[in-house]
Protein backbone atom coordinates (compact mmCIF):
# COMPACT_ATOMS: atom_id res chain seq x y z
CA MET A 1 50.86 40.23 39.33
CA LYS A 2 51.31 43.19 37.00
CA LEU A 3 50.12 45.71 39.62
CA ILE A 4 52.79 44.62 42.07
CA LYS A 5 55.43 44.84 39.33
CA GLN A 6 54.37 48.40 38.53
CA ALA A 7 54.44 49.28 42.21
CA MET A 8 57.98 48.00 42.55
CA LEU A 9 59.10 49.98 39.49
CA ALA A 10 58.11 53.15 41.29
CA LEU A 11 59.78 52.38 44.63
CA VAL A 12 62.98 54.32 44.05
CA MET A 13 61.09 57.46 43.15
CA LEU A 14 58.40 57.02 45.76
CA ALA A 15 61.01 56.95 48.47
CA TRP A 16 61.19 60.74 48.16
CA LEU A 17 57.54 61.62 47.82
CA PRO A 18 55.43 63.64 50.25
CA LEU A 19 51.84 62.73 51.08
CA ALA A 20 50.47 66.27 50.91
CA GLN A 21 47.33 66.51 48.80
CA ALA A 22 47.95 65.89 45.15
CA GLU A 23 48.35 69.06 43.16
CA GLU A 24 46.82 69.59 39.76
CA LEU A 25 49.27 68.44 37.13
CA THR A 26 49.73 70.23 33.83
CA ASP A 27 50.89 68.77 30.55
CA ASN A 28 54.05 70.85 30.98
CA ASP A 29 54.72 69.22 34.37
CA VAL A 30 54.60 65.76 32.80
CA GLN A 31 56.79 66.74 29.84
CA ARG A 32 59.37 68.39 32.14
CA TRP A 33 59.37 65.31 34.38
CA LEU A 34 59.83 62.93 31.44
CA LYS A 35 62.75 64.99 30.18
CA ALA A 36 64.38 65.13 33.63
CA MET A 37 63.94 61.53 34.70
CA PRO A 38 66.84 59.89 32.84
CA THR A 39 69.30 62.28 34.52
CA LEU A 40 67.68 62.23 37.97
CA THR A 41 67.13 58.47 37.94
CA SER A 42 70.76 57.95 36.98
CA TRP A 43 71.85 60.15 39.90
CA LEU A 44 69.60 58.22 42.32
CA GLU A 45 70.92 54.89 41.04
CA GLN A 46 74.53 56.05 41.46
CA HIS A 47 73.80 56.85 45.12
CA ASP A 48 71.39 54.00 45.84
CA ASP A 49 73.82 52.26 48.20
CA LYS A 50 73.73 55.33 50.47
CA LEU A 51 70.03 56.12 50.10
CA GLY A 52 68.41 52.74 50.73
CA GLY A 53 65.14 53.52 48.90
CA ASP A 54 63.74 50.03 49.38
CA SER A 55 64.32 50.05 53.13
CA VAL A 56 62.80 53.54 53.44
CA MET A 57 59.62 52.22 51.79
CA GLN A 58 59.57 49.04 53.85
CA GLU A 59 60.10 50.87 57.15
CA SER A 60 57.33 53.42 56.50
CA GLU A 61 53.65 53.15 57.32
CA THR A 62 52.56 56.25 55.41
CA MET A 63 53.75 58.29 52.47
CA ASP A 64 54.52 61.10 54.94
CA GLN A 65 57.05 58.85 56.65
CA VAL A 66 58.52 57.83 53.29
CA PHE A 67 59.16 61.47 52.42
CA GLU A 68 60.54 62.40 55.81
CA LYS A 69 62.91 59.44 55.84
CA GLY A 70 63.97 59.97 52.22
CA VAL A 71 64.88 63.63 52.71
CA GLU A 72 66.47 62.79 56.06
CA GLN A 73 68.59 60.15 54.30
CA LEU A 74 69.65 62.64 51.61
CA ARG A 75 70.70 65.10 54.31
CA LYS A 76 72.33 62.43 56.51
CA GLU A 77 74.48 61.24 53.62
CA GLY A 78 75.38 64.83 52.63
CA LEU A 79 73.66 64.38 49.25
CA TYR A 80 70.74 66.81 49.54
CA ASP A 81 72.53 69.84 48.08
CA ASP A 82 73.90 67.83 45.14
CA PHE A 83 70.51 66.30 44.31
CA ASN A 84 68.82 69.67 44.75
CA LYS A 85 71.31 71.11 42.22
CA GLN A 86 70.48 68.27 39.81
CA ALA A 87 66.74 68.92 40.21
CA LYS A 88 67.22 72.66 39.58
CA GLN A 89 69.29 71.96 36.45
CA GLN A 90 66.33 69.94 35.17
CA GLY A 91 63.93 72.87 35.63
CA PHE A 92 62.53 72.20 39.09
CA ALA A 93 62.65 74.77 41.89
CA SER A 94 63.88 72.16 44.39
CA VAL A 95 64.01 68.49 45.34
CA GLU A 96 60.63 69.00 46.97
CA GLU A 97 59.02 70.32 43.76
CA TRP A 98 60.44 67.41 41.76
CA ALA A 99 59.19 65.02 44.44
CA THR A 100 55.70 66.52 44.36
CA VAL A 101 55.46 66.22 40.58
CA SER A 102 56.93 62.69 40.73
CA ARG A 103 54.45 61.68 43.40
CA ASP A 104 51.49 63.02 41.46
CA ILE A 105 52.57 61.39 38.19
CA SER A 106 53.40 58.07 39.85
CA LEU A 107 50.14 57.89 41.77
CA ALA A 108 48.09 58.87 38.70
CA PHE A 109 49.90 56.18 36.71
CA MET A 110 49.17 53.69 39.47
CA ALA A 111 45.50 54.74 39.47
CA ILE A 112 45.38 54.06 35.72
CA GLU A 113 46.92 50.63 36.29
CA LEU A 114 44.33 49.95 39.00
CA GLN A 115 41.55 50.84 36.55
CA ASP A 116 43.00 48.38 34.05
CA ASN A 117 43.82 45.67 36.61
CA PRO A 118 41.65 46.11 39.69
CA ALA A 119 43.15 44.66 42.84
CA SER A 120 41.34 45.13 46.06
CA GLU A 121 43.11 46.34 49.12
CA ALA A 122 41.37 43.51 51.01
CA GLN A 123 42.91 40.93 48.64
CA MET A 124 46.34 42.44 49.16
CA GLN A 125 45.85 42.45 52.96
CA ALA A 126 44.82 38.78 52.78
CA GLN A 127 47.94 37.96 50.75
CA LEU A 128 50.06 39.79 53.31
CA GLU A 129 48.46 37.79 56.11
CA GLN A 130 49.09 34.52 54.23
CA LEU A 131 52.69 35.53 53.66
CA SER A 132 53.24 36.39 57.32
CA GLN A 133 51.94 32.95 58.33
CA ALA A 134 53.81 31.06 55.63
CA GLU A 135 56.46 28.64 56.79
CA GLY A 136 59.59 27.56 54.98
CA ILE A 137 60.52 31.00 53.66
CA PRO A 138 63.85 32.35 54.94
CA ALA A 139 63.25 35.19 57.44
CA GLU A 140 65.16 37.80 55.42
CA GLU A 141 63.27 36.94 52.23
CA LYS A 142 59.95 36.93 54.07
CA ALA A 143 60.68 40.36 55.60
CA MET A 144 61.56 41.76 52.18
CA MET A 145 58.39 40.34 50.61
CA GLU A 146 56.23 41.66 53.48
CA GLY A 147 57.84 45.09 53.13
CA MET A 148 57.12 45.13 49.40
CA MET A 149 53.51 44.07 49.98
CA LYS A 150 53.02 46.76 52.66
CA ALA A 151 54.50 49.38 50.32
CA SER A 152 52.13 48.24 47.57
CA ILE A 153 49.13 48.49 49.88
CA MET A 154 50.21 51.98 50.95
CA MET A 155 50.52 53.06 47.31
CA VAL A 156 47.13 51.56 46.37
CA LYS A 157 45.51 53.55 49.18
CA ALA A 158 47.20 56.74 47.97
CA ALA A 159 46.30 56.05 44.31
CA LYS A 160 42.61 55.97 45.21
CA GLN A 161 42.83 59.68 46.11
CA VAL A 162 44.23 60.89 42.77
CA PRO A 163 42.33 63.79 41.15
CA ALA A 164 40.58 62.93 37.86
CA ASN A 165 42.46 65.70 36.02
CA ASN A 166 45.81 64.15 36.95
CA ILE A 167 44.67 60.78 35.66
CA LYS A 168 43.56 62.37 32.39
CA ILE A 169 46.88 64.19 31.87
CA VAL A 170 49.01 61.20 32.82
CA LYS A 171 46.92 58.87 30.65
CA ALA A 172 47.86 61.03 27.64
CA HIS A 173 51.53 60.24 28.38
CA ALA A 174 51.07 56.73 29.82
CA ASP A 175 53.22 54.97 27.23
CA GLU A 176 56.15 57.35 27.76
CA ILE A 177 55.81 57.09 31.54
CA ALA A 178 55.63 53.29 31.35
CA ARG A 179 58.81 53.29 29.25
CA GLN A 180 60.50 55.45 31.88
CA PHE A 181 59.49 53.07 34.66
CA ASN A 182 60.57 50.08 32.56
CA GLU A 183 63.94 51.69 31.80
CA ASP A 184 64.37 52.27 35.53
CA ASP A 185 63.80 48.54 35.98
CA GLY A 186 66.08 47.56 33.11
CA GLU A 187 63.24 46.49 30.82
CA HIS A 188 62.40 47.95 27.46
CA ASP A 189 59.00 46.58 26.52
CA HIS A 190 55.52 47.27 27.82
CA ASP A 191 52.20 45.80 26.84
CA HIS A 192 50.18 49.00 27.23
């Protein structure tokens, strides 16, 4: 399912995002983010073994918890100051500002994907229930799949709250953003 694929592309970034109300994005925010992402994504990938972005998402019930655990993990591993320096070099005031802009762009992009490929939360909940009752799937694989499905449901709920202005601004850059997400995932084509 394309929606699930898009959700998984955003997991690394979403591991650092706060739930606070979405802020109004500007075109400049999106351009600055697009310019910064290759460097910041590379840094995150280099430290992925210490940060555990997937497990942070899977262990969280809300986006608030995702943010708290992500920042806690950065601090625990002694990486916060280094990542904060990277974010500042890319024109952000702090990790938190980068995370806020990333959250707002990612959720607006997800909202656009939901408009193009509607998936109901109820359908996703039903799939999660089927998965949890499925037999013959190794426990570790089942837990990973359930975690991914729960993260997707959490993101769909959050995407429903995106301000219309953010959707409009992100839509103007949707192809570039999709390429960024695809590059993060090691892919280079997109059917948008």
